[in-house]
Amino acid sequence: MAQQLGGSCATVTSLINSTSADPHDYEATASDLAKLAKADIVVLNGAGYDGWAEKAQLDTKRQAVVNVGDLMGITATEEHEHDHDHADGEEGHHHHHGSTNPHLWFSPEAVLKAAEAINAAYTDKAGASSATAATAQRHFNEWNGEYADFVTLVNKARSTDVQRRYVATESIISYLLEYIGAIDKTPATYTNAMNSEAEPSAADLKNAMGIVSGNDVDLLVVNPQEMNGFAKKLNDAAQSSNKTIISVTEQLPENQKTLLGWLTLIANQALATDTTNGYFLTQDVKDRSLSDYEGEWQSVYPLLQDGTLDKVMEAKAKKGDMTAAEYTKYYDAGYKTDVERIAIKGDQMSFTRGGKTATATYEYSGFKILDYAKGNRGVRYLFTATGDAPEGAPKIVQFSDHGIAPTKAAHFHIFMGNDSQEETLKEMDNWPTYYPASMSKEEVATEMLAH
């Protein structure tokens, strides 16, 4: 966040910057302490989390120190320590926070206060009337706009009374979950054991597993860096009871560009109210039949090739991080197909290529939830040809239309293969897309702009 706010005006060094490092075990090197001493601005988490940095000899007359724990009025009430020995013989790390939760970067209030303090430090060091201060202020204003979007997301969920109930293997993101109005159903005895030097008793663990498996919980939150035997058992209980599992590391994952973007992703995963963009509860996914896709369908690939979708690509470029030409190239690979038309009626599908049509009968083979690298998810509905499919009709068909329960598809992406469902599930780059054949080219483009 300090780098995002400073841009090219700041050189930011993060002393712990990998999810492979455990901050709870971190021991500062002489080089680390030297970098702290040389910095113009030092940003500390505080609250006992980075006690080694709080105890470092800093020149507070020359250096601006932003201590987020101090900004929030939170200090370590007990020694922030960890224990590596587990009663169950499993390897892992056990956090001991006492009565303090130091994971302040998961607190939206703390993040806002930290951003304001870092911006003030930049302005103070650069000089209030300097060009550097003006640039930093512009970065902060842009960041503040993103923060407003985050607050809007949460407020929208609050206004519709979305309330998620969760169990957590540890209290890593409890500030964020509290902010979005989620209800903690983790048994107090389990939480107290995990936040102290004790291990959960067999009875406490059994109780926690029962709650995870029950109807009064929507989510399980796990930290993949801290998957000891107890966490694994809760994870297994969530999987077997078809519950949504949110996996959150302590540090910013390598595939996340900004802290605020990461918090927004986690909030979307927990709220699970945006099915179209891949945020939904696992337990809400239902079986579907081929009747959801019945009708005559046209491929959009010819529309991309003849320029009809140029305005769609231009609109994507205005919102996204690629140019219109780059989006066109991306969708050319995605939409590419020689199947111009698909007709679906009853349990039969017909595929038309170059004037030739092949028809086969298909049976439902269930659904598969896929986890994507950027943190959202998708559902594919699987169908398998019965008997020998004729040439031109695929053995395997998988539908994705952003739906997770029975409803008539407005459009769909289709994955086709001749090996197995498992092999076809591996296809991520080519997803031929179809809209109703009754729509004109312009109507398809208009619909895609809205979508």
Protein backbone atom coordinates (compact mmCIF):
# COMPACT_ATOMS: atom_id res chain seq x y z
CA MET A 1 0.00 0.00 0.00
CA ALA A 2 2.89 2.35 0.76
CA GLN A 3 4.22 1.72 -2.77
CA GLN A 4 0.81 2.27 -4.35
CA LEU A 5 0.40 5.56 -2.50
CA GLY A 6 3.93 6.74 -3.28
CA GLY A 7 4.24 5.50 -6.86
CA SER A 8 7.52 6.54 -8.50
CA CYS A 9 8.04 9.12 -5.76
CA ALA A 10 8.85 6.45 -3.19
CA THR A 11 11.23 3.52 -2.94
CA VAL A 12 9.54 1.01 -0.66
CA THR A 13 11.35 -1.95 0.87
CA SER A 14 9.22 -4.66 2.50
CA LEU A 15 11.36 -6.65 4.93
CA ILE A 16 8.92 -9.57 4.86
CA ASN A 17 7.43 -9.91 1.40
CA SER A 18 6.77 -13.58 0.69
CA THR A 19 4.04 -15.98 1.73
CA SER A 20 6.76 -18.61 2.17
CA ALA A 21 8.08 -16.70 5.20
CA ASP A 22 6.34 -16.99 8.55
CA PRO A 23 6.18 -13.55 10.21
CA HIS A 24 5.66 -15.20 13.59
CA ASP A 25 9.10 -16.80 13.33
CA TYR A 26 10.85 -13.84 11.73
CA GLU A 27 14.14 -12.73 13.16
CA ALA A 28 15.54 -9.45 11.90
CA THR A 29 18.99 -9.49 10.32
CA ALA A 30 21.62 -6.78 10.67
CA SER A 31 20.74 -5.77 7.10
CA ASP A 32 17.09 -5.38 8.05
CA LEU A 33 17.94 -3.12 10.97
CA ALA A 34 20.28 -1.08 8.77
CA LYS A 35 17.50 -0.54 6.23
CA LEU A 36 15.14 0.55 9.02
CA ALA A 37 17.73 3.05 10.28
CA LYS A 38 18.28 4.57 6.82
CA ALA A 39 14.62 4.96 5.87
CA ASP A 40 12.91 8.34 5.75
CA ILE A 41 9.60 6.74 6.66
CA VAL A 42 9.08 3.52 8.64
CA VAL A 43 5.74 1.72 8.53
CA LEU A 44 5.16 -0.74 11.38
CA ASN A 45 2.21 -3.02 11.97
CA GLY A 46 2.54 -2.69 15.73
CA ALA A 47 0.27 -4.44 18.23
CA GLY A 48 3.12 -6.82 19.03
CA TYR A 49 3.20 -8.43 15.60
CA ASP A 50 6.56 -6.99 14.54
CA GLY A 51 7.94 -6.35 18.00
CA TRP A 52 11.53 -6.58 16.72
CA ALA A 53 10.86 -3.54 14.52
CA GLU A 54 9.08 -1.63 17.27
CA LYS A 55 12.14 -2.16 19.49
CA ALA A 56 14.62 -1.05 16.80
CA GLN A 57 16.60 2.12 17.42
CA LEU A 58 14.86 4.69 15.21
CA ASP A 59 15.66 8.40 14.86
CA THR A 60 12.19 9.79 15.47
CA LYS A 61 13.43 13.35 14.93
CA ARG A 62 14.52 12.54 11.37
CA GLN A 63 12.26 9.60 10.56
CA ALA A 64 8.49 9.56 10.24
CA VAL A 65 7.13 6.44 11.96
CA VAL A 66 3.68 5.11 11.08
CA ASN A 67 2.67 2.53 13.68
CA VAL A 68 -0.74 1.15 12.69
CA GLY A 69 -1.33 -0.41 16.11
CA ASP A 70 -0.85 3.00 17.71
CA LEU A 71 -3.20 4.60 15.16
CA MET A 72 -5.86 2.11 16.23
CA GLY A 73 -5.06 2.32 19.93
CA ILE A 74 -4.14 -1.37 19.97
CA THR A 75 -1.08 -2.63 21.78
CA ALA A 76 0.17 -6.10 22.65
CA THR A 77 -1.41 -7.11 25.95
CA GLU A 78 0.61 -10.30 26.09
CA GLU A 79 3.77 -11.51 24.43
CA HIS A 80 3.13 -12.36 20.77
CA GLU A 81 4.66 -15.81 20.56
CA HIS A 82 4.35 -19.15 18.87
CA ASP A 83 4.75 -22.80 19.72
CA HIS A 84 5.96 -25.45 17.28
CA ASP A 85 5.06 -28.57 19.23
CA HIS A 86 1.69 -30.14 18.56
CA ALA A 87 0.02 -32.71 20.73
CA ASP A 88 -1.20 -34.52 17.65
CA GLY A 89 2.31 -34.89 16.29
CA GLU A 90 1.59 -32.74 13.23
CA GLU A 91 4.07 -30.19 12.01
CA GLY A 92 3.00 -26.57 11.86
CA HIS A 93 3.05 -23.28 13.71
CA HIS A 94 0.79 -22.24 16.49
CA HIS A 95 0.04 -18.54 17.03
CA HIS A 96 -0.23 -17.01 20.45
CA HIS A 97 -1.72 -13.54 20.29
CA GLY A 98 -2.96 -13.31 23.84
CA SER A 99 -6.03 -11.08 23.83
CA THR A 100 -4.70 -8.99 20.93
CA ASN A 101 -5.35 -9.68 17.25
CA PRO A 102 -2.41 -8.01 15.48
CA HIS A 103 -3.53 -8.72 11.90
CA LEU A 104 -4.44 -5.08 11.36
CA TRP A 105 -4.07 -5.07 7.58
CA PHE A 106 -7.33 -7.05 7.53
CA SER A 107 -9.08 -4.18 9.32
CA PRO A 108 -10.59 -1.73 6.80
CA GLU A 109 -10.56 1.00 9.45
CA ALA A 110 -6.88 0.41 10.18
CA VAL A 111 -6.02 0.32 6.48
CA LEU A 112 -7.73 3.68 5.93
CA LYS A 113 -5.94 5.27 8.89
CA ALA A 114 -2.63 3.84 7.71
CA ALA A 115 -3.16 5.20 4.19
CA GLU A 116 -3.94 8.64 5.56
CA ALA A 117 -0.85 8.55 7.82
CA ILE A 118 1.45 7.36 5.03
CA ASN A 119 0.15 10.08 2.71
CA ALA A 120 0.72 12.67 5.44
CA ALA A 121 4.28 11.36 5.93
CA TYR A 122 4.99 11.66 2.19
CA THR A 123 3.66 15.22 2.15
CA ASP A 124 5.67 16.17 5.22
CA LYS A 125 8.93 14.71 3.91
CA ALA A 126 8.54 16.16 0.41
CA GLY A 127 7.25 19.55 1.49
CA ALA A 128 3.58 20.44 1.31
CA SER A 129 3.94 22.67 -1.76
CA SER A 130 6.27 20.34 -3.70
CA ALA A 131 5.46 18.53 -6.94
CA THR A 132 6.24 15.26 -5.17
CA ALA A 133 3.61 15.96 -2.51
CA ALA A 134 1.08 16.80 -5.25
CA THR A 135 1.83 13.51 -7.01
CA ALA A 136 1.51 11.55 -3.76
CA GLN A 137 -1.79 13.31 -3.05
CA ARG A 138 -3.07 12.31 -6.50
CA HIS A 139 -2.16 8.69 -5.76
CA PHE A 140 -3.97 8.92 -2.42
CA ASN A 141 -7.07 10.40 -4.05
CA GLU A 142 -7.13 7.52 -6.55
CA TRP A 143 -6.67 5.03 -3.71
CA ASN A 144 -9.43 6.72 -1.74
CA GLY A 145 -11.76 6.21 -4.70
CA GLU A 146 -10.96 2.50 -4.68
CA TYR A 147 -11.59 2.42 -0.93
CA ALA A 148 -14.99 4.05 -1.53
CA ASP A 149 -15.81 1.27 -4.02
CA PHE A 150 -14.88 -1.29 -1.35
CA VAL A 151 -17.15 0.40 1.21
CA THR A 152 -19.96 0.52 -1.37
CA LEU A 153 -19.61 -3.24 -1.92
CA VAL A 154 -19.95 -3.91 1.80
CA ASN A 155 -22.78 -1.43 2.29
CA LYS A 156 -24.73 -2.99 -0.58
CA ALA A 157 -24.51 -6.37 1.18
CA ARG A 158 -25.57 -4.78 4.47
CA SER A 159 -28.56 -3.12 2.80
CA THR A 160 -29.79 -6.48 1.54
CA ASP A 161 -29.18 -8.05 4.95
CA VAL A 162 -26.51 -10.50 3.75
CA GLN A 163 -25.15 -12.17 6.87
CA ARG A 164 -22.61 -14.94 6.65
CA ARG A 165 -21.87 -17.36 9.49
CA TYR A 166 -18.38 -18.79 9.72
CA VAL A 167 -15.93 -20.94 11.62
CA ALA A 168 -12.22 -20.04 11.47
CA THR A 169 -9.22 -22.23 12.20
CA GLU A 170 -7.64 -19.03 13.56
CA SER A 171 -8.70 -15.40 13.88
CA ILE A 172 -6.56 -14.10 11.02
CA ILE A 173 -9.27 -12.14 9.13
CA SER A 174 -11.73 -11.56 11.96
CA TYR A 175 -11.46 -7.76 11.59
CA LEU A 176 -12.60 -7.96 7.96
CA LEU A 177 -15.32 -10.51 8.69
CA GLU A 178 -16.65 -8.36 11.52
CA TYR A 179 -16.61 -5.33 9.18
CA ILE A 180 -18.80 -7.08 6.59
CA GLY A 181 -21.21 -8.23 9.30
CA ALA A 182 -20.31 -11.93 9.36
CA ILE A 183 -21.15 -13.91 12.51
CA ASP A 184 -18.42 -15.96 14.18
CA LYS A 185 -19.69 -19.44 15.03
CA THR A 186 -16.30 -20.80 16.08
CA PRO A 187 -16.64 -22.37 19.55
CA ALA A 188 -14.99 -20.09 22.12
CA THR A 189 -13.18 -23.02 23.68
CA TYR A 190 -11.57 -23.88 20.32
CA THR A 191 -10.61 -20.25 19.63
CA ASN A 192 -9.18 -19.76 23.12
CA ALA A 193 -7.12 -22.92 22.78
CA MET A 194 -5.74 -21.90 19.37
CA ASN A 195 -4.93 -18.37 20.59
CA SER A 196 -3.08 -19.64 23.63
CA GLU A 197 -0.37 -22.19 24.23
CA ALA A 198 -2.94 -24.96 24.73
CA GLU A 199 -4.24 -27.30 22.05
CA PRO A 200 -7.97 -27.89 21.54
CA SER A 201 -9.19 -30.89 23.48
CA ALA A 202 -10.68 -33.83 21.63
CA ALA A 203 -14.13 -32.67 22.78
CA ASP A 204 -13.49 -29.10 21.61
CA LEU A 205 -12.30 -30.32 18.22
CA LYS A 206 -15.28 -32.66 17.83
CA ASN A 207 -17.63 -29.82 18.74
CA ALA A 208 -16.00 -27.49 16.18
CA MET A 209 -16.21 -30.17 13.47
CA GLY A 210 -19.89 -30.69 14.25
CA ILE A 211 -20.60 -26.98 13.94
CA VAL A 212 -18.73 -26.77 10.60
CA SER A 213 -20.79 -29.70 9.28
CA GLY A 214 -24.09 -28.31 10.55
CA ASN A 215 -26.67 -26.08 8.92
CA ASP A 216 -25.76 -23.00 10.95
CA VAL A 217 -22.46 -22.30 9.16
CA ASP A 218 -21.82 -20.98 5.63
CA LEU A 219 -18.04 -20.69 5.55
CA LEU A 220 -14.82 -22.14 6.91
CA VAL A 221 -11.82 -19.80 6.94
CA VAL A 222 -8.37 -21.41 6.85
CA ASN A 223 -4.79 -20.13 6.69
CA PRO A 224 -2.82 -22.42 4.33
CA GLN A 225 0.39 -21.37 6.08
CA GLU A 226 -0.92 -22.82 9.35
CA MET A 227 -2.62 -26.08 8.39
CA ASN A 228 -1.87 -28.19 11.44
CA GLY A 229 -3.74 -31.39 12.22
CA PHE A 230 -6.66 -29.57 13.82
CA ALA A 231 -7.10 -27.19 10.88
CA LYS A 232 -6.95 -30.12 8.44
CA LYS A 233 -9.72 -31.93 10.30
CA LEU A 234 -11.96 -28.85 10.16
CA ASN A 235 -11.11 -28.48 6.46
CA ASP A 236 -12.11 -32.12 5.87
CA ALA A 237 -15.37 -31.55 7.75
CA ALA A 238 -16.17 -28.53 5.57
CA GLN A 239 -15.42 -30.43 2.37
CA SER A 240 -17.51 -33.45 3.35
CA SER A 241 -20.47 -31.21 4.26
CA ASN A 242 -20.14 -29.21 1.01
CA LYS A 243 -19.30 -25.91 2.73
CA THR A 244 -17.51 -22.94 1.21
CA ILE A 245 -13.84 -22.74 2.23
CA ILE A 246 -11.96 -19.44 2.11
CA SER A 247 -8.17 -19.74 2.17
CA VAL A 248 -6.30 -16.63 3.35
CA THR A 249 -2.54 -16.25 3.84
CA GLU A 250 -1.02 -13.81 6.30
CA GLN A 251 0.84 -11.84 3.65
CA LEU A 252 -0.32 -10.45 0.33
CA PRO A 253 -0.34 -13.35 -2.15
CA GLU A 254 2.05 -13.04 -5.08
CA ASN A 255 -0.84 -12.84 -7.57
CA GLN A 256 -2.49 -9.88 -5.79
CA LYS A 257 -1.33 -6.43 -6.88
CA THR A 258 -2.72 -4.28 -4.05
CA LEU A 259 -3.80 -4.66 -0.45
CA LEU A 260 -7.19 -3.07 -1.12
CA GLY A 261 -7.75 -5.36 -4.11
CA TRP A 262 -7.00 -8.32 -1.87
CA LEU A 263 -9.43 -7.18 0.83
CA THR A 264 -12.08 -6.67 -1.85
CA LEU A 265 -11.48 -10.21 -3.15
CA ILE A 266 -11.81 -11.74 0.33
CA ALA A 267 -14.96 -9.70 1.01
CA ASN A 268 -16.46 -10.91 -2.29
CA GLN A 269 -15.58 -14.51 -1.42
CA ALA A 270 -17.17 -14.23 2.03
CA LEU A 271 -20.28 -12.32 0.95
CA ALA A 272 -20.73 -14.72 -1.99
CA THR A 273 -23.45 -12.62 -3.62
CA ASP A 274 -22.01 -12.08 -7.11
CA THR A 275 -22.62 -15.34 -8.95
CA THR A 276 -22.05 -13.75 -12.38
CA ASN A 277 -18.47 -12.89 -11.46
CA GLY A 278 -17.83 -16.18 -9.67
CA TYR A 279 -18.56 -15.45 -6.01
CA PHE A 280 -21.08 -17.89 -4.54
CA LEU A 281 -21.55 -20.42 -1.74
CA THR A 282 -20.56 -24.00 -2.57
CA GLN A 283 -23.73 -25.29 -0.93
CA ASP A 284 -25.88 -23.17 -3.29
CA VAL A 285 -24.70 -25.03 -6.41
CA LYS A 286 -27.43 -27.35 -7.73
CA ASP A 287 -27.76 -29.94 -10.48
CA ARG A 288 -29.08 -28.83 -13.85
CA SER A 289 -30.48 -30.52 -16.95
CA LEU A 290 -29.90 -30.06 -20.67
CA SER A 291 -33.29 -28.31 -20.84
CA ASP A 292 -31.64 -25.19 -19.38
CA TYR A 293 -29.74 -24.87 -22.66
CA GLU A 294 -32.52 -25.90 -25.06
CA GLY A 295 -32.87 -23.89 -28.26
CA GLU A 296 -30.99 -22.73 -31.35
CA TRP A 297 -27.65 -21.04 -30.70
CA GLN A 298 -25.12 -19.09 -32.79
CA SER A 299 -21.37 -18.76 -32.25
CA VAL A 300 -20.07 -15.25 -31.52
CA TYR A 301 -16.70 -16.04 -33.12
CA PRO A 302 -17.75 -14.80 -36.60
CA LEU A 303 -18.92 -11.55 -34.96
CA LEU A 304 -15.49 -11.02 -33.46
CA GLN A 305 -13.86 -11.67 -36.82
CA ASP A 306 -16.09 -9.31 -38.84
CA GLY A 307 -15.71 -6.38 -36.40
CA THR A 308 -19.22 -6.47 -34.90
CA LEU A 309 -17.68 -6.88 -31.42
CA ASP A 310 -15.08 -4.10 -31.79
CA LYS A 311 -17.13 -1.80 -29.55
CA VAL A 312 -17.31 -4.56 -26.94
CA MET A 313 -13.51 -4.83 -26.92
CA GLU A 314 -13.18 -1.04 -26.67
CA ALA A 315 -15.53 -0.99 -23.69
CA LYS A 316 -13.49 -3.71 -21.98
CA ALA A 317 -10.30 -1.71 -22.57
CA LYS A 318 -11.79 1.32 -20.77
CA LYS A 319 -12.46 -0.75 -17.66
CA GLY A 320 -9.68 -3.34 -17.81
CA ASP A 321 -5.89 -3.46 -17.94
CA MET A 322 -5.43 -4.35 -21.64
CA THR A 323 -5.85 -2.45 -24.90
CA ALA A 324 -8.77 -3.16 -27.24
CA ALA A 325 -6.37 -4.98 -29.59
CA GLU A 326 -5.09 -7.11 -26.72
CA TYR A 327 -8.65 -7.99 -25.66
CA THR A 328 -9.47 -8.90 -29.26
CA LYS A 329 -6.50 -11.26 -29.34
CA TYR A 330 -7.50 -12.79 -25.99
CA TYR A 331 -11.11 -13.37 -27.07
CA ASP A 332 -10.03 -14.64 -30.47
CA ALA A 333 -8.36 -17.55 -28.66
CA GLY A 334 -11.33 -17.95 -26.31
CA TYR A 335 -14.16 -17.81 -28.86
CA LYS A 336 -12.41 -19.72 -31.65
CA THR A 337 -14.49 -22.60 -33.07
CA ASP A 338 -15.68 -24.05 -36.36
CA VAL A 339 -19.07 -24.98 -34.87
CA GLU A 340 -21.27 -22.21 -36.22
CA ARG A 341 -24.54 -23.44 -34.74
CA ILE A 342 -25.70 -25.64 -31.88
CA ALA A 343 -29.29 -26.90 -31.54
CA ILE A 344 -30.47 -28.53 -28.31
CA LYS A 345 -33.78 -30.34 -27.88
CA GLY A 346 -34.62 -32.89 -25.23
CA ASP A 347 -31.52 -34.96 -24.61
CA GLN A 348 -30.06 -34.36 -28.07
CA MET A 349 -27.50 -31.84 -29.30
CA SER A 350 -26.75 -31.02 -32.94
CA PHE A 351 -23.51 -29.38 -34.07
CA THR A 352 -23.29 -27.61 -37.46
CA ARG A 353 -19.97 -27.06 -39.24
CA GLY A 354 -19.75 -25.83 -42.82
CA GLY A 355 -23.29 -26.86 -43.57
CA LYS A 356 -22.90 -30.36 -42.09
CA THR A 357 -24.76 -31.30 -38.92
CA ALA A 358 -23.97 -34.11 -36.47
CA THR A 359 -26.40 -35.11 -33.70
CA ALA A 360 -25.84 -37.16 -30.53
CA THR A 361 -27.73 -38.02 -27.35
CA TYR A 362 -26.27 -36.86 -24.03
CA GLU A 363 -26.76 -37.74 -20.38
CA TYR A 364 -26.01 -35.58 -17.33
CA SER A 365 -22.70 -36.33 -15.58
CA GLY A 366 -22.89 -33.87 -12.69
CA PHE A 367 -21.12 -30.57 -12.10
CA LYS A 368 -17.64 -29.44 -11.19
CA ILE A 369 -16.69 -26.28 -9.25
CA LEU A 370 -13.42 -24.80 -10.50
CA ASP A 371 -11.22 -22.44 -8.46
CA TYR A 372 -9.54 -19.81 -10.62
CA ALA A 373 -6.14 -18.22 -10.00
CA LYS A 374 -7.58 -14.75 -9.49
CA GLY A 375 -9.71 -15.95 -6.56
CA ASN A 376 -13.16 -16.36 -8.07
CA ARG A 377 -14.82 -19.62 -9.10
CA GLY A 378 -16.89 -21.15 -11.85
CA VAL A 379 -19.21 -24.12 -12.31
CA ARG A 380 -19.22 -26.43 -15.30
CA TYR A 381 -22.19 -28.69 -15.99
CA LEU A 382 -21.05 -31.95 -17.55
CA PHE A 383 -22.76 -34.08 -20.17
CA THR A 384 -21.53 -37.28 -21.85
CA ALA A 385 -22.65 -38.74 -25.17
CA THR A 386 -24.44 -42.08 -24.82
CA GLY A 387 -23.09 -44.78 -27.09
CA ASP A 388 -20.79 -43.84 -29.96
CA ALA A 389 -21.09 -40.19 -30.95
CA PRO A 390 -21.05 -39.69 -34.73
CA GLU A 391 -18.21 -37.77 -36.34
CA GLY A 392 -18.67 -34.08 -35.71
CA ALA A 393 -20.42 -34.55 -32.36
CA PRO A 394 -18.14 -34.43 -29.29
CA LYS A 395 -18.16 -37.20 -26.72
CA ILE A 396 -17.79 -34.69 -23.85
CA VAL A 397 -19.72 -31.44 -23.43
CA GLN A 398 -19.39 -28.98 -20.55
CA PHE A 399 -21.50 -25.84 -20.11
CA SER A 400 -20.63 -22.67 -18.22
CA ASP A 401 -23.14 -19.82 -18.21
CA HIS A 402 -22.36 -18.14 -14.85
CA GLY A 403 -25.38 -19.90 -13.34
CA ILE A 404 -25.21 -22.30 -10.39
CA ALA A 405 -28.81 -23.59 -10.25
CA PRO A 406 -31.61 -24.52 -12.68
CA THR A 407 -32.50 -21.56 -14.93
CA LYS A 408 -32.81 -20.91 -18.66
CA ALA A 409 -29.42 -19.86 -20.06
CA ALA A 410 -29.26 -16.47 -21.83
CA HIS A 411 -25.92 -17.45 -23.37
CA PHE A 412 -23.27 -20.03 -22.60
CA HIS A 413 -19.63 -21.00 -22.95
CA ILE A 414 -19.07 -24.58 -24.04
CA PHE A 415 -16.11 -26.92 -23.67
CA MET A 416 -15.98 -29.93 -26.01
CA GLY A 417 -13.70 -32.96 -25.96
CA ASN A 418 -13.40 -36.59 -26.97
CA ASP A 419 -11.26 -37.99 -24.13
CA SER A 420 -12.83 -37.68 -20.68
CA GLN A 421 -14.57 -35.19 -18.45
CA GLU A 422 -11.36 -34.83 -16.42
CA GLU A 423 -9.27 -33.97 -19.48
CA THR A 424 -11.86 -31.52 -20.79
CA LEU A 425 -11.94 -29.75 -17.40
CA LYS A 426 -8.29 -28.82 -17.96
CA GLU A 427 -9.22 -26.59 -20.90
CA MET A 428 -9.08 -22.98 -19.74
CA ASP A 429 -8.11 -21.01 -22.85
CA ASN A 430 -10.77 -21.95 -25.41
CA TRP A 431 -14.43 -21.48 -24.49
CA PRO A 432 -16.61 -21.07 -27.60
CA THR A 433 -19.51 -18.81 -26.72
CA TYR A 434 -23.08 -18.94 -28.01
CA TYR A 435 -26.08 -16.59 -28.02
CA PRO A 436 -29.61 -17.31 -29.25
CA ALA A 437 -29.70 -17.75 -33.03
CA SER A 438 -32.73 -15.46 -33.18
CA MET A 439 -30.64 -12.42 -32.16
CA SER A 440 -29.12 -10.11 -34.76
CA LYS A 441 -25.41 -9.29 -34.74
CA GLU A 442 -26.09 -5.88 -33.25
CA GLU A 443 -28.36 -7.33 -30.58
CA VAL A 444 -25.64 -9.78 -29.54
CA ALA A 445 -23.10 -6.95 -29.31
CA THR A 446 -25.49 -4.82 -27.24
CA GLU A 447 -26.19 -7.75 -24.91
CA MET A 448 -22.46 -8.41 -24.50
CA LEU A 449 -21.84 -4.77 -23.64
CA ALA A 450 -24.39 -5.08 -20.83
CA HIS A 451 -22.94 -8.42 -19.71
